[in-house]
């Protein structure tokens, strides 16, 4: 009997899951993700929106870029950051749907701005 790929080695992607969810568990990185959900931005625009110093934003963006959660394009001297439209935006929509349907506790639906 042929096993499914994910059943052959049960925790084959354990490390990648850890890194991915650690990015999503970090308040600054989530702030950046939600900021970019409103549209593409450069570092200065992200800094102004989140009121966080540039070095912290840049460090967080590096981690998000490595996981392909955010994309970056060079525009002259400026780097423009955007969310991965294939995976991250649909995932955010799914999280919103889950929260509105299943998270009836007011603390789960509270605005964090």
PDB file of N, CA and C in Angstrom:
ATOM      1  N   UNK A   1       0.838  -1.176   0.000  1.00  0.00           N
ATOM      2  CA  UNK A   1       0.000   0.000   0.000  1.00  0.00           C
ATOM      3  C   UNK A   1       0.892   1.252   0.000  1.00  0.00           C
ATOM      4  N   UNK A   2       0.595   2.182  -0.877  1.00  0.00           N
ATOM      5  CA  UNK A   2       1.375   3.409  -0.983  1.00  0.00           C
ATOM      6  C   UNK A   2       0.885   4.427   0.049  1.00  0.00           C
ATOM      7  N   UNK A   3       1.823   4.964   0.833  1.00  0.00           N
ATOM      8  CA  UNK A   3       1.474   5.968   1.841  1.00  0.00           C
ATOM      9  C   UNK A   3       1.498   7.358   1.210  1.00  0.00           C
ATOM     10  N   UNK A   4       0.705   8.238   1.779  1.00  0.00           N
ATOM     11  CA  UNK A   4       0.731   9.630   1.344  1.00  0.00           C
ATOM     12  C   UNK A   4       2.066  10.236   1.772  1.00  0.00           C
ATOM     13  N   UNK A   5       2.527  11.220   1.032  1.00  0.00           N
ATOM     14  CA  UNK A   5       3.826  11.837   1.296  1.00  0.00           C
ATOM     15  C   UNK A   5       3.936  12.339   2.728  1.00  0.00           C
ATOM     16  N   UNK A   6       2.894  12.994   3.229  1.00  0.00           N
ATOM     17  CA  UNK A   6       2.979  13.553   4.575  1.00  0.00           C
ATOM     18  C   UNK A   6       2.971  12.477   5.647  1.00  0.00           C
ATOM     19  N   UNK A   7       2.615  11.252   5.299  1.00  0.00           N
ATOM     20  CA  UNK A   7       2.606  10.160   6.269  1.00  0.00           C
ATOM     21  C   UNK A   7       3.932   9.394   6.278  1.00  0.00           C
ATOM     22  N   UNK A   8       4.736   9.521   5.239  1.00  0.00           N
ATOM     23  CA  UNK A   8       5.988   8.782   5.156  1.00  0.00           C
ATOM     24  C   UNK A   8       6.939   9.212   6.266  1.00  0.00           C
ATOM     25  N   UNK A   9       7.131  10.494   6.411  1.00  0.00           N
ATOM     26  CA  UNK A   9       7.970  11.037   7.476  1.00  0.00           C
ATOM     27  C   UNK A   9       7.084  12.016   8.246  1.00  0.00           C
ATOM     28  N   UNK A  10       6.525  11.584   9.385  1.00  0.00           N
ATOM     29  CA  UNK A  10       5.504  12.377  10.084  1.00  0.00           C
ATOM     30  C   UNK A  10       5.866  13.830  10.354  1.00  0.00           C
ATOM     31  N   UNK A  11       7.104  14.123  10.729  1.00  0.00           N
ATOM     32  CA  UNK A  11       7.443  15.499  11.057  1.00  0.00           C
ATOM     33  C   UNK A  11       8.487  16.061  10.102  1.00  0.00           C
ATOM     34  N   UNK A  12       8.367  15.655   8.835  1.00  0.00           N
ATOM     35  CA  UNK A  12       9.309  16.079   7.808  1.00  0.00           C
ATOM     36  C   UNK A  12       9.414  17.603   7.744  1.00  0.00           C
ATOM     37  N   UNK A  13       8.311  18.305   7.843  1.00  0.00           N
ATOM     38  CA  UNK A  13       8.300  19.761   7.719  1.00  0.00           C
ATOM     39  C   UNK A  13       8.205  20.465   9.064  1.00  0.00           C
ATOM     40  N   UNK A  14       8.502  19.766  10.124  1.00  0.00           N
ATOM     41  CA  UNK A  14       8.379  20.327  11.465  1.00  0.00           C
ATOM     42  C   UNK A  14       9.106  21.656  11.593  1.00  0.00           C
ATOM     43  N   UNK A  15      10.327  21.726  11.110  1.00  0.00           N
ATOM     44  CA  UNK A  15      11.122  22.949  11.214  1.00  0.00           C
ATOM     45  C   UNK A  15      10.490  24.096  10.426  1.00  0.00           C
ATOM     46  N   UNK A  16      10.032  23.825   9.215  1.00  0.00           N
ATOM     47  CA  UNK A  16       9.428  24.890   8.414  1.00  0.00           C
ATOM     48  C   UNK A  16       8.119  25.378   9.028  1.00  0.00           C
ATOM     49  N   UNK A  17       7.356  24.462   9.650  1.00  0.00           N
ATOM     50  CA  UNK A  17       6.138  24.873  10.348  1.00  0.00           C
ATOM     51  C   UNK A  17       6.499  25.779  11.524  1.00  0.00           C
ATOM     52  N   UNK A  18       7.523  25.392  12.280  1.00  0.00           N
ATOM     53  CA  UNK A  18       7.953  26.202  13.415  1.00  0.00           C
ATOM     54  C   UNK A  18       8.297  27.618  12.987  1.00  0.00           C
ATOM     55  N   UNK A  19       9.122  27.730  11.968  1.00  0.00           N
ATOM     56  CA  UNK A  19       9.548  29.049  11.511  1.00  0.00           C
ATOM     57  C   UNK A  19       8.360  29.859  10.998  1.00  0.00           C
ATOM     58  N   UNK A  20       7.503  29.222  10.213  1.00  0.00           N
ATOM     59  CA  UNK A  20       6.344  29.923   9.659  1.00  0.00           C
ATOM     60  C   UNK A  20       5.445  30.464  10.779  1.00  0.00           C
ATOM     61  N   UNK A  21       5.097  29.604  11.728  1.00  0.00           N
ATOM     62  CA  UNK A  21       4.189  30.039  12.789  1.00  0.00           C
ATOM     63  C   UNK A  21       4.862  30.961  13.794  1.00  0.00           C
ATOM     64  N   UNK A  22       6.185  30.854  13.950  1.00  0.00           N
ATOM     65  CA  UNK A  22       6.883  31.822  14.802  1.00  0.00           C
ATOM     66  C   UNK A  22       6.787  33.219  14.195  1.00  0.00           C
ATOM     67  N   UNK A  23       6.854  33.303  12.871  1.00  0.00           N
ATOM     68  CA  UNK A  23       6.671  34.598  12.212  1.00  0.00           C
ATOM     69  C   UNK A  23       5.281  35.150  12.488  1.00  0.00           C
ATOM     70  N   UNK A  24       4.294  34.280  12.469  1.00  0.00           N
ATOM     71  CA  UNK A  24       2.918  34.731  12.693  1.00  0.00           C
ATOM     72  C   UNK A  24       2.612  34.996  14.160  1.00  0.00           C
ATOM     73  N   UNK A  25       3.428  34.460  15.063  1.00  0.00           N
ATOM     74  CA  UNK A  25       3.203  34.656  16.496  1.00  0.00           C
ATOM     75  C   UNK A  25       3.876  35.919  17.019  1.00  0.00           C
ATOM     76  N   UNK A  26       4.659  36.576  16.192  1.00  0.00           N
ATOM     77  CA  UNK A  26       5.389  37.763  16.608  1.00  0.00           C
ATOM     78  C   UNK A  26       4.530  39.011  16.360  1.00  0.00           C
ATOM     79  N   UNK A  27       4.245  39.783  17.417  1.00  0.00           N
ATOM     80  CA  UNK A  27       3.366  40.956  17.253  1.00  0.00           C
ATOM     81  C   UNK A  27       3.865  41.974  16.224  1.00  0.00           C
ATOM     82  N   UNK A  28       5.168  42.224  16.167  1.00  0.00           N
ATOM     83  CA  UNK A  28       5.681  43.183  15.185  1.00  0.00           C
ATOM     84  C   UNK A  28       5.488  42.652  13.769  1.00  0.00           C
ATOM     85  N   UNK A  29       5.788  41.378  13.570  1.00  0.00           N
ATOM     86  CA  UNK A  29       5.653  40.796  12.232  1.00  0.00           C
ATOM     87  C   UNK A  29       4.189  40.758  11.794  1.00  0.00           C
ATOM     88  N   UNK A  30       3.300  40.452  12.711  1.00  0.00           N
ATOM     89  CA  UNK A  30       1.866  40.511  12.390  1.00  0.00           C
ATOM     90  C   UNK A  30       1.461  41.939  12.057  1.00  0.00           C
ATOM     91  N   UNK A  31       1.997  42.893  12.802  1.00  0.00           N
ATOM     92  CA  UNK A  31       1.723  44.302  12.496  1.00  0.00           C
ATOM     93  C   UNK A  31       2.155  44.667  11.084  1.00  0.00           C
ATOM     94  N   UNK A  32       3.331  44.190  10.695  1.00  0.00           N
ATOM     95  CA  UNK A  32       3.825  44.446   9.341  1.00  0.00           C
ATOM     96  C   UNK A  32       2.925  43.778   8.313  1.00  0.00           C
ATOM     97  N   UNK A  33       2.558  42.532   8.568  1.00  0.00           N
ATOM     98  CA  UNK A  33       1.685  41.795   7.644  1.00  0.00           C
ATOM     99  C   UNK A  33       0.357  42.526   7.474  1.00  0.00           C
ATOM    100  N   UNK A  34      -0.236  42.951   8.565  1.00  0.00           N
ATOM    101  CA  UNK A  34      -1.529  43.643   8.479  1.00  0.00           C
ATOM    102  C   UNK A  34      -1.382  45.025   7.854  1.00  0.00           C
ATOM    103  N   UNK A  35      -0.257  45.675   8.080  1.00  0.00           N
ATOM    104  CA  UNK A  35       0.015  46.965   7.444  1.00  0.00           C
ATOM    105  C   UNK A  35       0.113  46.793   5.929  1.00  0.00           C
ATOM    106  N   UNK A  36       0.798  45.734   5.495  1.00  0.00           N
ATOM    107  CA  UNK A  36       0.947  45.477   4.060  1.00  0.00           C
ATOM    108  C   UNK A  36      -0.329  44.956   3.428  1.00  0.00           C
ATOM    109  N   UNK A  37      -1.231  44.470   4.253  1.00  0.00           N
ATOM    110  CA  UNK A  37      -2.517  44.020   3.723  1.00  0.00           C
ATOM    111  C   UNK A  37      -3.267  45.191   3.089  1.00  0.00           C
ATOM    112  N   UNK A  38      -3.030  46.383   3.601  1.00  0.00           N
ATOM    113  CA  UNK A  38      -3.671  47.592   3.065  1.00  0.00           C
ATOM    114  C   UNK A  38      -3.022  48.081   1.771  1.00  0.00           C
ATOM    115  N   UNK A  39      -1.875  47.499   1.407  1.00  0.00           N
ATOM    116  CA  UNK A  39      -1.202  47.899   0.175  1.00  0.00           C
ATOM    117  C   UNK A  39       0.307  47.853   0.327  1.00  0.00           C
ATOM    118  N   UNK A  40       0.996  47.912  -0.782  1.00  0.00           N
ATOM    119  CA  UNK A  40       2.454  47.869  -0.798  1.00  0.00           C
ATOM    120  C   UNK A  40       3.025  49.116  -0.134  1.00  0.00           C
ATOM    121  N   UNK A  41       4.151  48.930   0.586  1.00  0.00           N
ATOM    122  CA  UNK A  41       4.751  50.054   1.306  1.00  0.00           C
ATOM    123  C   UNK A  41       6.258  49.911   1.350  1.00  0.00           C
ATOM    124  N   UNK A  42       6.935  51.054   1.518  1.00  0.00           N
ATOM    125  CA  UNK A  42       8.367  51.024   1.775  1.00  0.00           C
ATOM    126  C   UNK A  42       8.586  50.997   3.292  1.00  0.00           C
ATOM    127  N   UNK A  43       9.837  50.904   3.717  1.00  0.00           N
ATOM    128  CA  UNK A  43      10.139  50.796   5.149  1.00  0.00           C
ATOM    129  C   UNK A  43       9.648  52.026   5.912  1.00  0.00           C
ATOM    130  N   UNK A  44       9.838  53.211   5.350  1.00  0.00           N
ATOM    131  CA  UNK A  44       9.402  54.443   6.032  1.00  0.00           C
ATOM    132  C   UNK A  44       7.898  54.452   6.274  1.00  0.00           C
ATOM    133  N   UNK A  45       7.142  54.009   5.288  1.00  0.00           N
ATOM    134  CA  UNK A  45       5.682  53.966   5.440  1.00  0.00           C
ATOM    135  C   UNK A  45       5.271  52.955   6.517  1.00  0.00           C
ATOM    136  N   UNK A  46       5.968  51.823   6.560  1.00  0.00           N
ATOM    137  CA  UNK A  46       5.681  50.817   7.592  1.00  0.00           C
ATOM    138  C   UNK A  46       6.049  51.382   8.962  1.00  0.00           C
ATOM    139  N   UNK A  47       7.215  52.050   9.053  1.00  0.00           N
ATOM    140  CA  UNK A  47       7.648  52.674  10.314  1.00  0.00           C
ATOM    141  C   UNK A  47       6.607  53.669  10.816  1.00  0.00           C
ATOM    142  N   UNK A  48       6.140  54.524   9.941  1.00  0.00           N
ATOM    143  CA  UNK A  48       5.161  55.542  10.327  1.00  0.00           C
ATOM    144  C   UNK A  48       3.842  54.920  10.761  1.00  0.00           C
ATOM    145  N   UNK A  49       3.421  53.873  10.070  1.00  0.00           N
ATOM    146  CA  UNK A  49       2.151  53.227  10.403  1.00  0.00           C
ATOM    147  C   UNK A  49       2.225  52.510  11.747  1.00  0.00           C
ATOM    148  N   UNK A  50       3.366  51.883  12.034  1.00  0.00           N
ATOM    149  CA  UNK A  50       3.489  51.070  13.252  1.00  0.00           C
ATOM    150  C   UNK A  50       4.164  51.796  14.408  1.00  0.00           C
ATOM    151  N   UNK A  51       4.779  52.941  14.123  1.00  0.00           N
ATOM    152  CA  UNK A  51       5.493  53.708  15.150  1.00  0.00           C
ATOM    153  C   UNK A  51       6.595  52.866  15.793  1.00  0.00           C
ATOM    154  N   UNK A  52       7.382  52.225  14.942  1.00  0.00           N
ATOM    155  CA  UNK A  52       8.486  51.369  15.382  1.00  0.00           C
ATOM    156  C   UNK A  52       9.738  51.816  14.642  1.00  0.00           C
ATOM    157  N   UNK A  53      10.890  51.746  15.311  1.00  0.00           N
ATOM    158  CA  UNK A  53      12.134  52.204  14.689  1.00  0.00           C
ATOM    159  C   UNK A  53      12.527  51.338  13.494  1.00  0.00           C
ATOM    160  N   UNK A  54      13.261  51.956  12.586  1.00  0.00           N
ATOM    161  CA  UNK A  54      13.618  51.354  11.302  1.00  0.00           C
ATOM    162  C   UNK A  54      14.375  50.044  11.456  1.00  0.00           C
ATOM    163  N   UNK A  55      15.307  49.958  12.398  1.00  0.00           N
ATOM    164  CA  UNK A  55      16.111  48.740  12.529  1.00  0.00           C
ATOM    165  C   UNK A  55      15.251  47.532  12.905  1.00  0.00           C
ATOM    166  N   UNK A  56      14.259  47.735  13.751  1.00  0.00           N
ATOM    167  CA  UNK A  56      13.363  46.636  14.135  1.00  0.00           C
ATOM    168  C   UNK A  56      12.495  46.207  12.959  1.00  0.00           C
ATOM    169  N   UNK A  57      12.006  47.178  12.202  1.00  0.00           N
ATOM    170  CA  UNK A  57      11.197  46.872  11.017  1.00  0.00           C
ATOM    171  C   UNK A  57      12.039  46.089  10.008  1.00  0.00           C
ATOM    172  N   UNK A  58      13.253  46.546   9.738  1.00  0.00           N
ATOM    173  CA  UNK A  58      14.123  45.890   8.765  1.00  0.00           C
ATOM    174  C   UNK A  58      14.451  44.459   9.191  1.00  0.00           C
ATOM    175  N   UNK A  59      14.742  44.274  10.462  1.00  0.00           N
ATOM    176  CA  UNK A  59      15.056  42.941  10.970  1.00  0.00           C
ATOM    177  C   UNK A  59      13.857  42.001  10.793  1.00  0.00           C
ATOM    178  N   UNK A  60      12.667  42.478  11.135  1.00  0.00           N
ATOM    179  CA  UNK A  60      11.451  41.665  10.994  1.00  0.00           C
ATOM    180  C   UNK A  60      11.170  41.366   9.520  1.00  0.00           C
ATOM    181  N   UNK A  61      11.370  42.355   8.651  1.00  0.00           N
ATOM    182  CA  UNK A  61      11.145  42.153   7.221  1.00  0.00           C
ATOM    183  C   UNK A  61      12.090  41.104   6.644  1.00  0.00           C
ATOM    184  N   UNK A  62      13.313  41.056   7.131  1.00  0.00           N
ATOM    185  CA  UNK A  62      14.275  40.056   6.656  1.00  0.00           C
ATOM    186  C   UNK A  62      13.749  38.651   6.909  1.00  0.00           C
ATOM    187  N   UNK A  63      13.248  38.425   8.097  1.00  0.00           N
ATOM    188  CA  UNK A  63      12.690  37.116   8.440  1.00  0.00           C
ATOM    189  C   UNK A  63      11.460  36.801   7.590  1.00  0.00           C
ATOM    190  N   UNK A  64      10.599  37.778   7.404  1.00  0.00           N
ATOM    191  CA  UNK A  64       9.390  37.580   6.600  1.00  0.00           C
ATOM    192  C   UNK A  64       9.740  37.327   5.129  1.00  0.00           C
ATOM    193  N   UNK A  65      10.801  37.966   4.641  1.00  0.00           N
ATOM    194  CA  UNK A  65      11.251  37.739   3.258  1.00  0.00           C
ATOM    195  C   UNK A  65      11.793  36.322   3.089  1.00  0.00           C
ATOM    196  N   UNK A  66      12.563  35.849   4.067  1.00  0.00           N
ATOM    197  CA  UNK A  66      13.136  34.505   3.973  1.00  0.00           C
ATOM    198  C   UNK A  66      12.060  33.439   3.859  1.00  0.00           C
ATOM    199  N   UNK A  67      10.938  33.650   4.518  1.00  0.00           N
ATOM    200  CA  UNK A  67       9.829  32.691   4.462  1.00  0.00           C
ATOM    201  C   UNK A  67       8.874  32.981   3.312  1.00  0.00           C
ATOM    202  N   UNK A  68       9.191  33.986   2.505  1.00  0.00           N
ATOM    203  CA  UNK A  68       8.349  34.376   1.366  1.00  0.00           C
ATOM    204  C   UNK A  68       6.944  34.805   1.803  1.00  0.00           C
ATOM    205  N   UNK A  69       6.847  35.297   3.027  1.00  0.00           N
ATOM    206  CA  UNK A  69       5.591  35.863   3.503  1.00  0.00           C
ATOM    207  C   UNK A  69       5.411  37.241   2.870  1.00  0.00           C
ATOM    208  N   UNK A  70       6.520  37.960   2.741  1.00  0.00           N
ATOM    209  CA  UNK A  70       6.506  39.236   2.024  1.00  0.00           C
ATOM    210  C   UNK A  70       7.453  39.149   0.844  1.00  0.00           C
ATOM    211  N   UNK A  71       7.160  39.933  -0.167  1.00  0.00           N
ATOM    212  CA  UNK A  71       8.002  40.080  -1.352  1.00  0.00           C
ATOM    213  C   UNK A  71       8.580  41.483  -1.346  1.00  0.00           C
ATOM    214  N   UNK A  72       9.697  41.651  -2.006  1.00  0.00           N
ATOM    215  CA  UNK A  72      10.309  42.975  -2.108  1.00  0.00           C
ATOM    216  C   UNK A  72      10.699  43.235  -3.552  1.00  0.00           C
ATOM    217  N   UNK A  73      10.437  44.469  -3.994  1.00  0.00           N
ATOM    218  CA  UNK A  73      10.851  44.914  -5.330  1.00  0.00           C
ATOM    219  C   UNK A  73      11.656  46.188  -5.174  1.00  0.00           C
ATOM    220  N   UNK A  74      12.709  46.276  -5.938  1.00  0.00           N
ATOM    221  CA  UNK A  74      13.538  47.469  -5.932  1.00  0.00           C
ATOM    222  C   UNK A  74      12.930  48.489  -6.889  1.00  0.00           C
ATOM    223  N   UNK A  75      12.737  49.711  -6.418  1.00  0.00           N
ATOM    224  CA  UNK A  75      12.223  50.798  -7.243  1.00  0.00           C
ATOM    225  C   UNK A  75      13.191  51.965  -7.083  1.00  0.00           C
ATOM    226  N   UNK A  76      14.238  51.998  -7.922  1.00  0.00           N
ATOM    227  CA  UNK A  76      15.304  52.977  -7.735  1.00  0.00           C
ATOM    228  C   UNK A  76      16.063  52.626  -6.468  1.00  0.00           C
ATOM    229  N   UNK A  77      16.176  53.587  -5.539  1.00  0.00           N
ATOM    230  CA  UNK A  77      16.843  53.336  -4.257  1.00  0.00           C
ATOM    231  C   UNK A  77      15.884  52.785  -3.213  1.00  0.00           C
ATOM    232  N   UNK A  78      14.625  52.749  -3.554  1.00  0.00           N
ATOM    233  CA  UNK A  78      13.579  52.365  -2.605  1.00  0.00           C
ATOM    234  C   UNK A  78      13.195  50.894  -2.772  1.00  0.00           C
ATOM    235  N   UNK A  79      12.959  50.236  -1.648  1.00  0.00           N
ATOM    236  CA  UNK A  79      12.453  48.865  -1.667  1.00  0.00           C
ATOM    237  C   UNK A  79      10.974  48.908  -1.293  1.00  0.00           C
ATOM    238  N   UNK A  80      10.163  48.272  -2.117  1.00  0.00           N
ATOM    239  CA  UNK A  80       8.722  48.236  -1.890  1.00  0.00           C
ATOM    240  C   UNK A  80       8.352  46.820  -1.461  1.00  0.00           C
ATOM    241  N   UNK A  81       7.679  46.728  -0.324  1.00  0.00           N
ATOM    242  CA  UNK A  81       7.293  45.440   0.242  1.00  0.00           C
ATOM    243  C   UNK A  81       5.819  45.171  -0.013  1.00  0.00           C
ATOM    244  N   UNK A  82       5.517  43.903  -0.268  1.00  0.00           N
ATOM    245  CA  UNK A  82       4.135  43.480  -0.490  1.00  0.00           C
ATOM    246  C   UNK A  82       3.963  42.082   0.096  1.00  0.00           C
ATOM    247  N   UNK A  83       2.710  41.706   0.327  1.00  0.00           N
ATOM    248  CA  UNK A  83       2.413  40.365   0.821  1.00  0.00           C
ATOM    249  C   UNK A  83       2.420  39.358  -0.312  1.00  0.00           C
ATOM    250  N   UNK A  84       2.731  38.132   0.005  1.00  0.00           N
ATOM    251  CA  UNK A  84       2.643  37.033  -0.947  1.00  0.00           C
ATOM    252  C   UNK A  84       1.157  36.832  -1.264  1.00  0.00           C
ATOM    253  N   UNK A  85       0.773  37.167  -2.482  1.00  0.00           N
ATOM    254  CA  UNK A  85      -0.635  37.129  -2.880  1.00  0.00           C
ATOM    255  C   UNK A  85      -1.159  35.714  -3.084  1.00  0.00           C
ATOM    256  N   UNK A  86      -0.262  34.770  -3.345  1.00  0.00           N
ATOM    257  CA  UNK A  86      -0.686  33.388  -3.592  1.00  0.00           C
ATOM    258  C   UNK A  86      -1.066  32.644  -2.311  1.00  0.00           C
ATOM    259  N   UNK A  87      -0.370  32.935  -1.221  1.00  0.00           N
ATOM    260  CA  UNK A  87      -0.600  32.158   0.004  1.00  0.00           C
ATOM    261  C   UNK A  87      -1.018  32.989   1.208  1.00  0.00           C
ATOM    262  N   UNK A  88      -0.373  34.113   1.436  1.00  0.00           N
ATOM    263  CA  UNK A  88      -0.605  34.860   2.677  1.00  0.00           C
ATOM    264  C   UNK A  88      -1.943  35.597   2.665  1.00  0.00           C
ATOM    265  N   UNK A  89      -2.270  36.257   1.583  1.00  0.00           N
ATOM    266  CA  UNK A  89      -3.555  36.975   1.529  1.00  0.00           C
ATOM    267  C   UNK A  89      -4.728  35.997   1.662  1.00  0.00           C
ATOM    268  N   UNK A  90      -4.733  34.861   0.937  1.00  0.00           N
ATOM    269  CA  UNK A  90      -5.822  33.892   1.159  1.00  0.00           C
ATOM    270  C   UNK A  90      -5.851  33.361   2.597  1.00  0.00           C
ATOM    271  N   UNK A  91      -4.671  33.183   3.198  1.00  0.00           N
ATOM    272  CA  UNK A  91      -4.624  32.705   4.572  1.00  0.00           C
ATOM    273  C   UNK A  91      -5.224  33.742   5.529  1.00  0.00           C
ATOM    274  N   UNK A  92      -4.928  35.012   5.321  1.00  0.00           N
ATOM    275  CA  UNK A  92      -5.504  36.067   6.159  1.00  0.00           C
ATOM    276  C   UNK A  92      -7.023  36.094   6.017  1.00  0.00           C
ATOM    277  N   UNK A  93      -7.498  35.922   4.792  1.00  0.00           N
ATOM    278  CA  UNK A  93      -8.954  35.871   4.576  1.00  0.00           C
ATOM    279  C   UNK A  93      -9.567  34.680   5.292  1.00  0.00           C
ATOM    280  N   UNK A  94      -8.894  33.551   5.263  1.00  0.00           N
ATOM    281  CA  UNK A  94      -9.371  32.357   5.955  1.00  0.00           C
ATOM    282  C   UNK A  94      -9.379  32.558   7.467  1.00  0.00           C
ATOM    283  N   UNK A  95      -8.348  33.202   8.000  1.00  0.00           N
ATOM    284  CA  UNK A  95      -8.302  33.496   9.433  1.00  0.00           C
ATOM    285  C   UNK A  95      -9.454  34.418   9.818  1.00  0.00           C
ATOM    286  N   UNK A  96      -9.709  35.442   9.002  1.00  0.00           N
ATOM    287  CA  UNK A  96     -10.835  36.351   9.267  1.00  0.00           C
ATOM    288  C   UNK A  96     -12.156  35.592   9.269  1.00  0.00           C
ATOM    289  N   UNK A  97     -12.332  34.708   8.292  1.00  0.00           N
ATOM    290  CA  UNK A  97     -13.557  33.911   8.209  1.00  0.00           C
ATOM    291  C   UNK A  97     -13.691  33.008   9.431  1.00  0.00           C
ATOM    292  N   UNK A  98     -12.599  32.355   9.797  1.00  0.00           N
ATOM    293  CA  UNK A  98     -12.623  31.475  10.973  1.00  0.00           C
ATOM    294  C   UNK A  98     -12.989  32.265  12.224  1.00  0.00           C
ATOM    295  N   UNK A  99     -12.348  33.424  12.405  1.00  0.00           N
ATOM    296  CA  UNK A  99     -12.607  34.238  13.595  1.00  0.00           C
ATOM    297  C   UNK A  99     -14.064  34.690  13.655  1.00  0.00           C
ATOM    298  N   UNK A 100     -14.616  35.106  12.523  1.00  0.00           N
ATOM    299  CA  UNK A 100     -15.994  35.598  12.539  1.00  0.00           C
ATOM    300  C   UNK A 100     -17.010  34.471  12.736  1.00  0.00           C
ATOM    301  N   UNK A 101     -16.671  33.263  12.304  1.00  0.00           N
ATOM    302  CA  UNK A 101     -17.600  32.132  12.429  1.00  0.00           C
ATOM    303  C   UNK A 101     -17.437  31.349  13.727  1.00  0.00           C
ATOM    304  N   UNK A 102     -16.199  31.247  14.212  1.00  0.00           N
ATOM    305  CA  UNK A 102     -15.927  30.313  15.299  1.00  0.00           C
ATOM    306  C   UNK A 102     -15.397  30.939  16.570  1.00  0.00           C
ATOM    307  N   UNK A 103     -14.900  32.144  16.509  1.00  0.00           N
ATOM    308  CA  UNK A 103     -14.327  32.782  17.698  1.00  0.00           C
ATOM    309  C   UNK A 103     -15.355  33.745  18.277  1.00  0.00           C
ATOM    310  N   UNK A 104     -16.226  33.224  19.074  1.00  0.00           N
ATOM    311  CA  UNK A 104     -17.308  34.045  19.626  1.00  0.00           C
ATOM    312  C   UNK A 104     -16.873  34.835  20.853  1.00  0.00           C
ATOM    313  N   UNK A 105     -15.698  34.520  21.393  1.00  0.00           N
ATOM    314  CA  UNK A 105     -15.182  35.241  22.545  1.00  0.00           C
ATOM    315  C   UNK A 105     -14.784  36.649  22.110  1.00  0.00           C
ATOM    316  N   UNK A 106     -15.224  37.656  22.832  1.00  0.00           N
ATOM    317  CA  UNK A 106     -14.965  39.041  22.431  1.00  0.00           C
ATOM    318  C   UNK A 106     -13.480  39.370  22.340  1.00  0.00           C
ATOM    319  N   UNK A 107     -12.641  38.698  23.170  1.00  0.00           N
ATOM    320  CA  UNK A 107     -11.219  39.002  23.107  1.00  0.00           C
ATOM    321  C   UNK A 107     -10.602  38.579  21.782  1.00  0.00           C
ATOM    322  N   UNK A 108     -11.156  37.582  21.106  1.00  0.00           N
ATOM    323  CA  UNK A 108     -10.624  37.128  19.819  1.00  0.00           C
ATOM    324  C   UNK A 108     -10.994  38.090  18.688  1.00  0.00           C
ATOM    325  N   UNK A 109     -12.037  38.823  18.844  1.00  0.00           N
ATOM    326  CA  UNK A 109     -12.521  39.711  17.786  1.00  0.00           C
ATOM    327  C   UNK A 109     -12.118  41.158  18.014  1.00  0.00           C
ATOM    328  N   UNK A 110     -11.443  41.428  19.116  1.00  0.00           N
ATOM    329  CA  UNK A 110     -11.063  42.783  19.488  1.00  0.00           C
ATOM    330  C   UNK A 110     -10.054  43.369  18.505  1.00  0.00           C
ATOM    331  N   UNK A 111     -10.179  44.639  18.228  1.00  0.00           N
ATOM    332  CA  UNK A 111      -9.226  45.329  17.364  1.00  0.00           C
ATOM    333  C   UNK A 111      -7.948  45.584  18.135  1.00  0.00           C
ATOM    334  N   UNK A 112      -6.809  45.312  17.525  1.00  0.00           N
ATOM    335  CA  UNK A 112      -5.522  45.465  18.201  1.00  0.00           C
ATOM    336  C   UNK A 112      -4.809  46.734  17.794  1.00  0.00           C
ATOM    337  N   UNK A 113      -5.468  47.655  17.134  1.00  0.00           N
ATOM    338  CA  UNK A 113      -4.802  48.911  16.722  1.00  0.00           C
ATOM    339  C   UNK A 113      -4.731  49.876  17.861  1.00  0.00           C
TER     340      UNK A 113
END
